[in-house]
Amino acid sequence: QVQLVESGGGLVQPGESLRLSCAASGSIFSIYDMGWYRQAPGKQRELVATITSGGNTNYADSVKGRFTISRDNAKNTVYLQMNSLKPEDTAVYYCNAMFVDYEYWGQGTQVTVSS
């Protein structure tokens, strides 16, 4: 069993930054591929960024150049640094852990970018 606890969401103005954190417990964190997803009201959940156990990263085109995913295996934590936030970034952001056929999700954290 893996538990993911997210933090760092909030209300910001366009152009500002947020850093989301996802702390994992009950797992061997370093073996998991990690990801951030988001879901806006009325829309499908979409991939934001992933980082493999080996450190390879992938980003959605919509956030490339603005968001950065990173991980600190010593702290069992994955981060999402979000810069130059736009109103269209408003969504619930979810942390995801993957290993073979196992997949875990955090509770989600609300990010609201308000003009």
Protein backbone atom coordinates (compact mmCIF):
# COMPACT_ATOMS: atom_id res chain seq x y z
CA GLN A 1 0.00 0.00 0.00
CA VAL A 2 1.21 3.44 -0.97
CA GLN A 3 -0.12 6.67 0.45
CA LEU A 4 0.41 9.95 -1.34
CA VAL A 5 -0.16 13.24 0.41
CA GLU A 6 -0.18 16.40 -1.65
CA SER A 7 0.32 19.96 -0.54
CA GLY A 8 1.09 23.36 -1.95
CA GLY A 9 -2.06 24.20 -3.83
CA GLY A 10 -3.82 27.48 -3.44
CA LEU A 11 -5.11 30.63 -5.03
CA VAL A 12 -2.71 32.73 -7.05
CA GLN A 13 -2.82 35.46 -9.64
CA PRO A 14 -1.80 34.92 -13.26
CA GLY A 15 1.94 34.99 -13.69
CA GLU A 16 2.66 33.82 -10.18
CA SER A 17 4.21 30.54 -9.11
CA LEU A 18 3.35 27.59 -6.95
CA ARG A 19 5.28 24.54 -5.89
CA LEU A 20 3.31 21.38 -5.30
CA SER A 21 4.68 18.58 -3.17
CA CYS A 22 3.67 14.95 -3.00
CA ALA A 23 5.00 12.93 -0.11
CA ALA A 24 4.86 9.15 -0.34
CA SER A 25 4.76 6.68 2.49
CA GLY A 26 4.44 2.94 2.74
CA SER A 27 6.47 2.29 -0.38
CA ILE A 28 9.92 1.91 -1.82
CA PHE A 29 9.68 5.31 -3.40
CA SER A 30 12.72 5.14 -5.63
CA ILE A 31 11.34 2.33 -7.79
CA TYR A 32 8.16 4.17 -8.74
CA ASP A 33 7.55 6.28 -11.76
CA MET A 34 5.83 9.44 -10.58
CA GLY A 35 3.51 11.84 -12.26
CA TRP A 36 1.33 14.87 -11.89
CA TYR A 37 -2.09 15.01 -13.48
CA ARG A 38 -4.80 17.60 -13.38
CA GLN A 39 -8.51 17.74 -13.90
CA ALA A 40 -10.51 20.87 -14.49
CA PRO A 41 -14.28 20.96 -14.00
CA GLY A 42 -16.05 19.29 -16.90
CA LYS A 43 -12.83 18.04 -18.45
CA GLN A 44 -10.92 14.78 -18.58
CA ARG A 45 -7.99 14.20 -16.30
CA GLU A 46 -4.85 14.98 -18.23
CA LEU A 47 -1.18 14.31 -17.88
CA VAL A 48 0.88 17.25 -16.71
CA ALA A 49 4.31 15.77 -16.16
CA THR A 50 6.01 12.49 -15.35
CA ILE A 51 9.36 11.51 -13.97
CA THR A 52 10.60 7.95 -14.11
CA SER A 53 12.51 6.11 -11.45
CA GLY A 54 15.57 6.85 -13.55
CA GLY A 55 14.88 10.57 -13.64
CA ASN A 56 13.58 10.93 -17.19
CA THR A 57 10.90 13.60 -17.50
CA ASN A 58 8.00 14.21 -19.81
CA TYR A 59 5.66 17.19 -20.02
CA ALA A 60 2.39 18.07 -21.61
CA ASP A 61 2.85 20.61 -24.36
CA SER A 62 0.63 23.04 -22.50
CA VAL A 63 3.02 23.27 -19.57
CA LYS A 64 6.37 22.67 -21.21
CA GLY A 65 8.79 25.42 -20.33
CA ARG A 66 6.69 26.60 -17.40
CA PHE A 67 6.42 23.56 -15.14
CA THR A 68 9.20 21.39 -13.79
CA ILE A 69 8.80 18.00 -12.18
CA SER A 70 11.48 16.73 -9.86
CA ARG A 71 11.93 14.12 -7.19
CA ASP A 72 13.90 13.74 -4.02
CA ASN A 73 14.13 10.04 -3.28
CA ALA A 74 15.75 10.70 0.08
CA LYS A 75 12.60 12.56 1.10
CA ASN A 76 10.17 10.26 -0.73
CA THR A 77 8.78 13.34 -2.39
CA VAL A 78 7.98 14.50 -5.89
CA TYR A 79 7.56 18.17 -6.72
CA LEU A 80 5.89 20.21 -9.39
CA GLN A 81 7.23 23.71 -9.76
CA MET A 82 4.68 25.78 -11.62
CA ASN A 83 5.77 29.13 -12.99
CA SER A 84 3.98 31.70 -15.10
CA LEU A 85 0.64 30.30 -14.09
CA LYS A 86 -2.33 30.96 -16.32
CA PRO A 87 -6.06 30.84 -15.60
CA GLU A 88 -6.29 27.73 -17.77
CA ASP A 89 -3.99 25.97 -15.30
CA THR A 90 -6.82 26.02 -12.78
CA ALA A 91 -7.58 22.43 -11.82
CA VAL A 92 -7.28 19.83 -9.15
CA TYR A 93 -3.78 18.45 -9.35
CA TYR A 94 -3.18 14.81 -8.52
CA CYS A 95 -0.01 12.97 -7.68
CA ASN A 96 0.43 9.52 -9.18
CA ALA A 97 2.78 6.65 -8.46
CA MET A 98 3.25 3.75 -10.85
CA PHE A 99 5.07 0.45 -10.68
CA VAL A 100 4.25 -2.35 -13.10
CA ASP A 101 0.52 -2.99 -12.62
CA TYR A 102 0.23 -0.93 -9.46
CA GLU A 103 -1.03 2.62 -9.52
CA TYR A 104 -1.74 4.99 -6.66
CA TRP A 105 -3.24 8.44 -6.50
CA GLY A 106 -3.14 11.26 -4.04
CA GLN A 107 -6.19 13.10 -2.82
CA GLY A 108 -5.63 16.04 -5.10
CA THR A 109 -4.87 19.65 -4.35
CA GLN A 110 -6.73 22.61 -5.77
CA VAL A 111 -4.85 25.14 -7.83
CA THR A 112 -6.80 28.23 -8.75
CA VAL A 113 -5.32 30.93 -10.95
CA SER A 114 -7.60 33.89 -10.76
CA SER A 115 -7.45 37.13 -12.67
